[in-house]
PDB file of N, CA and C in Angstrom:
ATOM      1  N   MET A   1      40.842  97.201  14.629  1.00  0.00           N
ATOM      2  CA  MET A   1      41.260  97.326  13.185  1.00  0.00           C
ATOM      3  C   MET A   1      41.480  96.108  13.251  1.00  0.00           C
ATOM      4  N   HIS A   2      41.558  94.917  12.437  1.00  0.00           N
ATOM      5  CA  HIS A   2      41.532  92.765  12.447  1.00  0.00           C
ATOM      6  C   HIS A   2      42.746  93.306  11.231  1.00  0.00           C
ATOM      7  N   TYR A   3      43.723  92.482  11.717  1.00  0.00           N
ATOM      8  CA  TYR A   3      44.098  91.836  10.069  1.00  0.00           C
ATOM      9  C   TYR A   3      44.413  90.806   9.151  1.00  0.00           C
ATOM     10  N   LEU A   4      44.420  90.339   7.986  1.00  0.00           N
ATOM     11  CA  LEU A   4      44.461  88.643   8.036  1.00  0.00           C
ATOM     12  C   LEU A   4      45.398  88.210   7.649  1.00  0.00           C
ATOM     13  N   THR A   5      46.121  87.584   8.218  1.00  0.00           N
ATOM     14  CA  THR A   5      47.101  86.788   6.877  1.00  0.00           C
ATOM     15  C   THR A   5      46.882  85.522   6.131  1.00  0.00           C
ATOM     16  N   ASP A   6      47.049  85.725   4.968  1.00  0.00           N
ATOM     17  CA  ASP A   6      47.291  84.161   4.465  1.00  0.00           C
ATOM     18  C   ASP A   6      48.460  83.756   5.231  1.00  0.00           C
ATOM     19  N   VAL A   7      48.213  81.864   5.824  1.00  0.00           N
ATOM     20  CA  VAL A   7      48.818  81.674   6.202  1.00  0.00           C
ATOM     21  C   VAL A   7      49.851  79.978   5.101  1.00  0.00           C
ATOM     22  N   THR A   8      48.696  80.086   4.142  1.00  0.00           N
ATOM     23  CA  THR A   8      48.816  79.114   3.216  1.00  0.00           C
ATOM     24  C   THR A   8      49.369  78.130   2.660  1.00  0.00           C
ATOM     25  N   ALA A   9      50.696  79.703   2.614  1.00  0.00           N
ATOM     26  CA  ALA A   9      53.142  79.133   1.530  1.00  0.00           C
ATOM     27  C   ALA A   9      53.251  78.960   2.906  1.00  0.00           C
ATOM     28  N   GLN A  10      52.980  79.133   4.085  1.00  0.00           N
ATOM     29  CA  GLN A  10      53.766  78.568   5.922  1.00  0.00           C
ATOM     30  C   GLN A  10      53.323  77.173   5.796  1.00  0.00           C
ATOM     31  N   LYS A  11      51.386  77.404   5.774  1.00  0.00           N
ATOM     32  CA  LYS A  11      51.094  75.791   5.848  1.00  0.00           C
ATOM     33  C   LYS A  11      51.993  74.675   5.116  1.00  0.00           C
ATOM     34  N   ARG A  12      51.677  75.019   3.452  1.00  0.00           N
ATOM     35  CA  ARG A  12      52.841  73.971   2.792  1.00  0.00           C
ATOM     36  C   ARG A  12      54.242  73.609   2.872  1.00  0.00           C
ATOM     37  N   LEU A  13      55.171  74.167   3.289  1.00  0.00           N
ATOM     38  CA  LEU A  13      56.439  74.192   3.797  1.00  0.00           C
ATOM     39  C   LEU A  13      56.910  73.530   4.452  1.00  0.00           C
ATOM     40  N   GLU A  14      55.439  74.267   6.054  1.00  0.00           N
ATOM     41  CA  GLU A  14      55.528  72.385   6.664  1.00  0.00           C
ATOM     42  C   GLU A  14      55.669  71.872   6.533  1.00  0.00           C
ATOM     43  N   GLN A  15      54.442  71.340   5.761  1.00  0.00           N
ATOM     44  CA  GLN A  15      53.575  70.267   5.510  1.00  0.00           C
ATOM     45  C   GLN A  15      55.322  69.499   4.283  1.00  0.00           C
ATOM     46  N   GLN A  16      55.823  70.479   3.358  1.00  0.00           N
ATOM     47  CA  GLN A  16      56.924  69.598   3.095  1.00  0.00           C
ATOM     48  C   GLN A  16      58.120  69.659   3.988  1.00  0.00           C
ATOM     49  N   LEU A  17      57.507  69.870   4.814  1.00  0.00           N
ATOM     50  CA  LEU A  17      59.107  69.871   5.853  1.00  0.00           C
ATOM     51  C   LEU A  17      59.041  67.925   6.625  1.00  0.00           C
ATOM     52  N   ILE A  18      57.783  68.533   6.487  1.00  0.00           N
ATOM     53  CA  ILE A  18      57.642  66.642   7.909  1.00  0.00           C
ATOM     54  C   ILE A  18      57.283  66.365   6.881  1.00  0.00           C
ATOM     55  N   ARG A  19      57.344  65.750   5.462  1.00  0.00           N
ATOM     56  CA  ARG A  19      57.265  64.597   4.373  1.00  0.00           C
ATOM     57  C   ARG A  19      58.834  63.998   4.395  1.00  0.00           C
ATOM     58  N   ALA A  20      59.286  65.656   4.453  1.00  0.00           N
ATOM     59  CA  ALA A  20      60.463  65.326   4.368  1.00  0.00           C
ATOM     60  C   ALA A  20      61.991  64.256   4.984  1.00  0.00           C
ATOM     61  N   ASP A  21      60.670  64.464   6.584  1.00  0.00           N
ATOM     62  CA  ASP A  21      61.671  64.185   7.816  1.00  0.00           C
ATOM     63  C   ASP A  21      61.083  63.062   7.189  1.00  0.00           C
ATOM     64  N   LYS A  22      59.843  62.324   6.718  1.00  0.00           N
ATOM     65  CA  LYS A  22      59.295  61.387   7.062  1.00  0.00           C
ATOM     66  C   LYS A  22      59.721  59.994   6.477  1.00  0.00           C
ATOM     67  N   LEU A  23      60.334  60.385   4.935  1.00  0.00           N
ATOM     68  CA  LEU A  23      61.125  60.504   4.131  1.00  0.00           C
ATOM     69  C   LEU A  23      62.566  59.835   4.624  1.00  0.00           C
ATOM     70  N   ALA A  24      63.020  60.597   5.172  1.00  0.00           N
ATOM     71  CA  ALA A  24      64.592  60.431   5.483  1.00  0.00           C
ATOM     72  C   ALA A  24      64.533  58.875   7.135  1.00  0.00           C
ATOM     73  N   SER A  25      63.720  59.314   7.723  1.00  0.00           N
ATOM     74  CA  SER A  25      63.417  58.361   8.622  1.00  0.00           C
ATOM     75  C   SER A  25      63.050  57.229   8.041  1.00  0.00           C
ATOM     76  N   LEU A  26      62.325  56.918   6.743  1.00  0.00           N
ATOM     77  CA  LEU A  26      62.306  55.843   5.881  1.00  0.00           C
ATOM     78  C   LEU A  26      63.226  55.415   5.547  1.00  0.00           C
ATOM     79  N   GLY A  27      64.641  56.549   5.097  1.00  0.00           N
ATOM     80  CA  GLY A  27      65.395  55.529   4.282  1.00  0.00           C
ATOM     81  C   GLY A  27      66.677  55.943   5.400  1.00  0.00           C
ATOM     82  N   THR A  28      66.529  55.788   6.256  1.00  0.00           N
ATOM     83  CA  THR A  28      67.004  55.164   7.178  1.00  0.00           C
ATOM     84  C   THR A  28      66.753  54.084   8.367  1.00  0.00           C
ATOM     85  N   LEU A  29      65.400  53.459   8.125  1.00  0.00           N
ATOM     86  CA  LEU A  29      65.167  53.120   8.579  1.00  0.00           C
ATOM     87  C   LEU A  29      65.487  51.738   7.385  1.00  0.00           C
ATOM     88  N   VAL A  30      66.020  51.470   6.192  1.00  0.00           N
ATOM     89  CA  VAL A  30      65.599  50.774   4.951  1.00  0.00           C
ATOM     90  C   VAL A  30      66.866  50.162   4.828  1.00  0.00           C
ATOM     91  N   ALA A  31      67.918  51.716   4.997  1.00  0.00           N
ATOM     92  CA  ALA A  31      69.715  51.141   5.310  1.00  0.00           C
ATOM     93  C   ALA A  31      69.562  49.804   6.461  1.00  0.00           C
ATOM     94  N   GLY A  32      69.089  50.315   7.023  1.00  0.00           N
ATOM     95  CA  GLY A  32      69.666  49.076   7.732  1.00  0.00           C
ATOM     96  C   GLY A  32      69.438  48.393   8.047  1.00  0.00           C
ATOM     97  N   ILE A  33      67.820  47.985   6.977  1.00  0.00           N
ATOM     98  CA  ILE A  33      67.249  46.580   7.439  1.00  0.00           C
ATOM     99  C   ILE A  33      68.405  45.792   5.810  1.00  0.00           C
ATOM    100  N   ALA A  34      68.752  46.905   5.040  1.00  0.00           N
ATOM    101  CA  ALA A  34      69.803  46.295   3.531  1.00  0.00           C
ATOM    102  C   ALA A  34      71.619  45.183   4.693  1.00  0.00           C
ATOM    103  N   HIS A  35      71.679  46.870   5.626  1.00  0.00           N
ATOM    104  CA  HIS A  35      72.970  46.485   6.605  1.00  0.00           C
ATOM    105  C   HIS A  35      72.527  44.671   7.052  1.00  0.00           C
ATOM    106  N   GLU A  36      71.722  44.953   7.193  1.00  0.00           N
ATOM    107  CA  GLU A  36      71.376  43.739   8.054  1.00  0.00           C
ATOM    108  C   GLU A  36      71.054  42.371   7.633  1.00  0.00           C
ATOM    109  N   ILE A  37      70.491  42.763   5.709  1.00  0.00           N
ATOM    110  CA  ILE A  37      70.556  41.524   5.610  1.00  0.00           C
ATOM    111  C   ILE A  37      71.761  41.027   4.649  1.00  0.00           C
ATOM    112  N   ASN A  38      72.261  42.230   4.238  1.00  0.00           N
ATOM    113  CA  ASN A  38      74.383  42.214   3.205  1.00  0.00           C
ATOM    114  C   ASN A  38      75.101  41.818   4.511  1.00  0.00           C
ATOM    115  N   ASN A  39      74.939  41.670   5.225  1.00  0.00           N
ATOM    116  CA  ASN A  39      75.907  41.016   5.971  1.00  0.00           C
ATOM    117  C   ASN A  39      76.756  39.351   6.354  1.00  0.00           C
ATOM    118  N   PRO A  40      75.328  39.261   6.188  1.00  0.00           N
ATOM    119  CA  PRO A  40      74.715  37.296   6.647  1.00  0.00           C
ATOM    120  C   PRO A  40      75.255  37.008   4.887  1.00  0.00           C
ATOM    121  N   LEU A  41      74.882  38.024   4.100  1.00  0.00           N
ATOM    122  CA  LEU A  41      75.137  37.156   2.696  1.00  0.00           C
ATOM    123  C   LEU A  41      76.880  37.895   2.492  1.00  0.00           C
ATOM    124  N   GLY A  42      77.278  38.472   2.004  1.00  0.00           N
ATOM    125  CA  GLY A  42      78.655  38.070   2.007  1.00  0.00           C
ATOM    126  C   GLY A  42      79.441  37.539   3.351  1.00  0.00           C
ATOM    127  N   ILE A  43      79.220  37.111   4.756  1.00  0.00           N
ATOM    128  CA  ILE A  43      79.628  36.135   5.085  1.00  0.00           C
ATOM    129  C   ILE A  43      79.357  35.251   3.918  1.00  0.00           C
ATOM    130  N   ILE A  44      78.156  34.628   3.750  1.00  0.00           N
ATOM    131  CA  ILE A  44      78.182  33.288   3.132  1.00  0.00           C
ATOM    132  C   ILE A  44      78.858  33.158   1.265  1.00  0.00           C
ATOM    133  N   ALA A  45      78.543  33.960   0.704  1.00  0.00           N
ATOM    134  CA  ALA A  45      79.864  35.041   0.011  1.00  0.00           C
ATOM    135  C   ALA A  45      81.074  34.447  -0.134  1.00  0.00           C
ATOM    136  N   GLY A  46      81.511  35.338   1.173  1.00  0.00           N
ATOM    137  CA  GLY A  46      83.117  34.745   1.369  1.00  0.00           C
ATOM    138  C   GLY A  46      83.249  33.519   1.697  1.00  0.00           C
ATOM    139  N   TYR A  47      82.027  32.399   3.011  1.00  0.00           N
ATOM    140  CA  TYR A  47      82.648  31.441   2.960  1.00  0.00           C
ATOM    141  C   TYR A  47      82.867  30.904   2.233  1.00  0.00           C
ATOM    142  N   SER A  48      81.697  30.685   0.939  1.00  0.00           N
ATOM    143  CA  SER A  48      81.610  30.443  -0.696  1.00  0.00           C
ATOM    144  C   SER A  48      83.062  29.754  -1.701  1.00  0.00           C
ATOM    145  N   GLU A  49      83.234  31.552  -1.258  1.00  0.00           N
ATOM    146  CA  GLU A  49      84.879  31.434  -2.190  1.00  0.00           C
ATOM    147  C   GLU A  49      85.700  30.560  -1.720  1.00  0.00           C
ATOM    148  N   ALA A  50      85.808  29.954  -0.827  1.00  0.00           N
ATOM    149  CA  ALA A  50      86.622  29.527   0.053  1.00  0.00           C
ATOM    150  C   ALA A  50      86.168  28.449  -0.080  1.00  0.00           C
ATOM    151  N   LEU A  51      85.122  27.237  -0.241  1.00  0.00           N
ATOM    152  CA  LEU A  51      84.776  26.076  -0.289  1.00  0.00           C
ATOM    153  C   LEU A  51      84.985  25.807  -1.771  1.00  0.00           C
ATOM    154  N   LEU A  52      84.679  26.987  -3.074  1.00  0.00           N
ATOM    155  CA  LEU A  52      84.792  26.827  -4.258  1.00  0.00           C
ATOM    156  C   LEU A  52      86.900  26.790  -4.382  1.00  0.00           C
ATOM    157  N   GLU A  53      87.412  27.001  -3.542  1.00  0.00           N
ATOM    158  CA  GLU A  53      88.697  26.707  -3.885  1.00  0.00           C
ATOM    159  C   GLU A  53      89.445  25.769  -3.112  1.00  0.00           C
ATOM    160  N   ARG A  54      88.453  24.956  -2.331  1.00  0.00           N
ATOM    161  CA  ARG A  54      88.480  23.896  -1.544  1.00  0.00           C
ATOM    162  C   ARG A  54      88.141  22.957  -2.942  1.00  0.00           C
ATOM    163  N   ALA A  55      87.469  22.896  -3.701  1.00  0.00           N
ATOM    164  CA  ALA A  55      86.413  22.622  -4.600  1.00  0.00           C
ATOM    165  C   ALA A  55      87.853  22.019  -5.337  1.00  0.00           C
ATOM    166  N   LYS A  56      88.545  22.299  -5.315  1.00  0.00           N
ATOM    167  CA  LYS A  56      89.542  22.500  -6.489  1.00  0.00           C
ATOM    168  C   LYS A  56      90.368  20.963  -6.503  1.00  0.00           C
ATOM    169  N   ASP A  57      90.375  20.720  -5.734  1.00  0.00           N
ATOM    170  CA  ASP A  57      90.455  19.074  -5.030  1.00  0.00           C
ATOM    171  C   ASP A  57      91.089  18.297  -6.472  1.00  0.00           C
ATOM    172  N   VAL A  58      91.553  18.295  -6.692  1.00  0.00           N
ATOM    173  CA  VAL A  58      91.054  16.692  -7.824  1.00  0.00           C
ATOM    174  C   VAL A  58      91.224  15.205  -7.470  1.00  0.00           C
ATOM    175  N   SER A  59      91.247  15.628  -6.090  1.00  0.00           N
ATOM    176  CA  SER A  59      90.246  13.525  -5.174  1.00  0.00           C
ATOM    177  C   SER A  59      88.759  13.523  -5.531  1.00  0.00           C
ATOM    178  N   LEU A  60      88.035  15.228  -5.402  1.00  0.00           N
ATOM    179  CA  LEU A  60      86.917  16.144  -4.769  1.00  0.00           C
ATOM    180  C   LEU A  60      86.666  16.494  -6.816  1.00  0.00           C
ATOM    181  N   LEU A  61      87.722  15.916  -7.465  1.00  0.00           N
ATOM    182  CA  LEU A  61      86.205  16.575  -8.815  1.00  0.00           C
ATOM    183  C   LEU A  61      85.955  15.396  -9.765  1.00  0.00           C
ATOM    184  N   ARG A  62      86.823  14.342  -9.029  1.00  0.00           N
ATOM    185  CA  ARG A  62      86.679  12.207  -9.487  1.00  0.00           C
ATOM    186  C   ARG A  62      85.582  12.083  -9.096  1.00  0.00           C
ATOM    187  N   MET A  63      84.897  12.564  -8.136  1.00  0.00           N
ATOM    188  CA  MET A  63      83.676  12.077  -7.702  1.00  0.00           C
ATOM    189  C   MET A  63      82.430  11.989  -7.991  1.00  0.00           C
ATOM    190  N   LYS A  64      81.756  11.696  -8.333  1.00  0.00           N
ATOM    191  CA  LYS A  64      80.196  12.071  -9.414  1.00  0.00           C
ATOM    192  C   LYS A  64      79.498  12.888  -8.174  1.00  0.00           C
ATOM    193  N   GLU A  65      79.439  12.002  -6.628  1.00  0.00           N
ATOM    194  CA  GLU A  65      78.071  13.233  -5.756  1.00  0.00           C
ATOM    195  C   GLU A  65      78.642  14.472  -6.264  1.00  0.00           C
ATOM    196  N   PHE A  66      79.804  14.957  -6.539  1.00  0.00           N
ATOM    197  CA  PHE A  66      80.396  16.054  -6.154  1.00  0.00           C
ATOM    198  C   PHE A  66      80.803  17.270  -7.895  1.00  0.00           C
ATOM    199  N   GLU A  67      80.158  15.680  -9.064  1.00  0.00           N
ATOM    200  CA  GLU A  67      80.804  17.016 -10.349  1.00  0.00           C
ATOM    201  C   GLU A  67      80.097  18.456 -10.853  1.00  0.00           C
ATOM    202  N   ASP A  68      78.395  18.258  -9.937  1.00  0.00           N
ATOM    203  CA  ASP A  68      78.252  19.607 -10.254  1.00  0.00           C
ATOM    204  C   ASP A  68      78.285  20.700  -9.195  1.00  0.00           C
ATOM    205  N   PHE A  69      79.321  19.929  -8.736  1.00  0.00           N
ATOM    206  CA  PHE A  69      79.367  21.669  -6.809  1.00  0.00           C
ATOM    207  C   PHE A  69      79.952  23.044  -7.443  1.00  0.00           C
ATOM    208  N   PRO A  70      80.852  23.252  -8.393  1.00  0.00           N
ATOM    209  CA  PRO A  70      81.300  24.060  -8.916  1.00  0.00           C
ATOM    210  C   PRO A  70      80.638  25.279  -9.670  1.00  0.00           C
ATOM    211  N   SER A  71      79.947  24.729 -10.393  1.00  0.00           N
ATOM    212  CA  SER A  71      79.235  25.383 -11.016  1.00  0.00           C
ATOM    213  C   SER A  71      77.771  25.776  -9.951  1.00  0.00           C
ATOM    214  N   THR A  72      77.143  25.230  -9.960  1.00  0.00           N
ATOM    215  CA  THR A  72      75.683  25.195  -8.236  1.00  0.00           C
ATOM    216  C   THR A  72      76.208  26.034  -7.796  1.00  0.00           C
ATOM    217  N   TRP A  73      77.271  26.187  -6.771  1.00  0.00           N
ATOM    218  CA  TRP A  73      77.458  26.924  -6.348  1.00  0.00           C
ATOM    219  C   TRP A  73      77.740  28.173  -6.458  1.00  0.00           C
ATOM    220  N   ARG A  74      78.508  27.941  -8.067  1.00  0.00           N
ATOM    221  CA  ARG A  74      79.404  30.098  -8.529  1.00  0.00           C
ATOM    222  C   ARG A  74      77.975  30.751  -7.834  1.00  0.00           C
ATOM    223  N   GLN A  75      76.460  30.007  -9.341  1.00  0.00           N
ATOM    224  CA  GLN A  75      75.680  29.912  -9.352  1.00  0.00           C
ATOM    225  C   GLN A  75      75.233  31.048  -8.219  1.00  0.00           C
ATOM    226  N   PHE A  76      74.891  29.978  -7.208  1.00  0.00           N
ATOM    227  CA  PHE A  76      75.037  30.348  -5.499  1.00  0.00           C
ATOM    228  C   PHE A  76      75.543  31.673  -4.899  1.00  0.00           C
ATOM    229  N   ILE A  77      76.628  31.862  -5.431  1.00  0.00           N
ATOM    230  CA  ILE A  77      77.095  33.121  -4.922  1.00  0.00           C
ATOM    231  C   ILE A  77      76.903  34.509  -5.937  1.00  0.00           C
ATOM    232  N   MET A  78      76.375  33.986  -7.111  1.00  0.00           N
ATOM    233  CA  MET A  78      76.246  35.780  -7.972  1.00  0.00           C
ATOM    234  C   MET A  78      74.921  35.685  -8.084  1.00  0.00           C
ATOM    235  N   ARG A  79      73.845  34.974  -7.160  1.00  0.00           N
ATOM    236  CA  ARG A  79      72.244  35.317  -6.972  1.00  0.00           C
ATOM    237  C   ARG A  79      72.672  35.960  -5.664  1.00  0.00           C
ATOM    238  N   CYS A  80      73.697  35.739  -4.202  1.00  0.00           N
ATOM    239  CA  CYS A  80      74.168  35.851  -3.388  1.00  0.00           C
ATOM    240  C   CYS A  80      74.040  37.351  -3.448  1.00  0.00           C
ATOM    241  N   SER A  81      75.216  37.971  -4.333  1.00  0.00           N
ATOM    242  CA  SER A  81      76.387  38.490  -4.613  1.00  0.00           C
ATOM    243  C   SER A  81      74.741  40.121  -5.691  1.00  0.00           C
ATOM    244  N   GLY A  82      74.300  39.546  -6.444  1.00  0.00           N
ATOM    245  CA  GLY A  82      72.462  40.066  -7.100  1.00  0.00           C
ATOM    246  C   GLY A  82      71.936  40.454  -5.577  1.00  0.00           C
ATOM    247  N   ALA A  83      71.211  39.605  -4.223  1.00  0.00           N
ATOM    248  CA  ALA A  83      70.739  40.353  -3.291  1.00  0.00           C
ATOM    249  C   ALA A  83      71.061  41.142  -2.598  1.00  0.00           C
ATOM    250  N   ARG A  84      73.269  41.333  -2.300  1.00  0.00           N
ATOM    251  CA  ARG A  84      73.438  42.485  -2.141  1.00  0.00           C
ATOM    252  C   ARG A  84      73.635  43.577  -2.791  1.00  0.00           C
ATOM    253  N   GLU A  85      73.045  43.859  -3.629  1.00  0.00           N
ATOM    254  CA  GLU A  85      73.468  44.999  -4.876  1.00  0.00           C
ATOM    255  C   GLU A  85      72.069  45.556  -5.275  1.00  0.00           C
ATOM    256  N   PHE A  86      70.854  44.470  -4.830  1.00  0.00           N
ATOM    257  CA  PHE A  86      69.719  44.944  -4.707  1.00  0.00           C
ATOM    258  C   PHE A  86      69.368  46.550  -4.049  1.00  0.00           C
TER     259      PHE A  86
END
């Protein structure tokens, strides 16, 4: 006497488990990449803030070459912040 067992549900469950494991690995990889990108951006943004503080010097603000620096640099900082939140 031979018995046949339907293993369809078990195979489907195994495939779901494999898929979930792959997605978890992909999530870990993406988190690591994001971390590697955010570290330099955070440093750049920090130094940029310090640079803007120094840019408040009246003698610098009088220079024609420097007149648009603060606004341009603030835009740059906002772009870095936006990229970090992505």
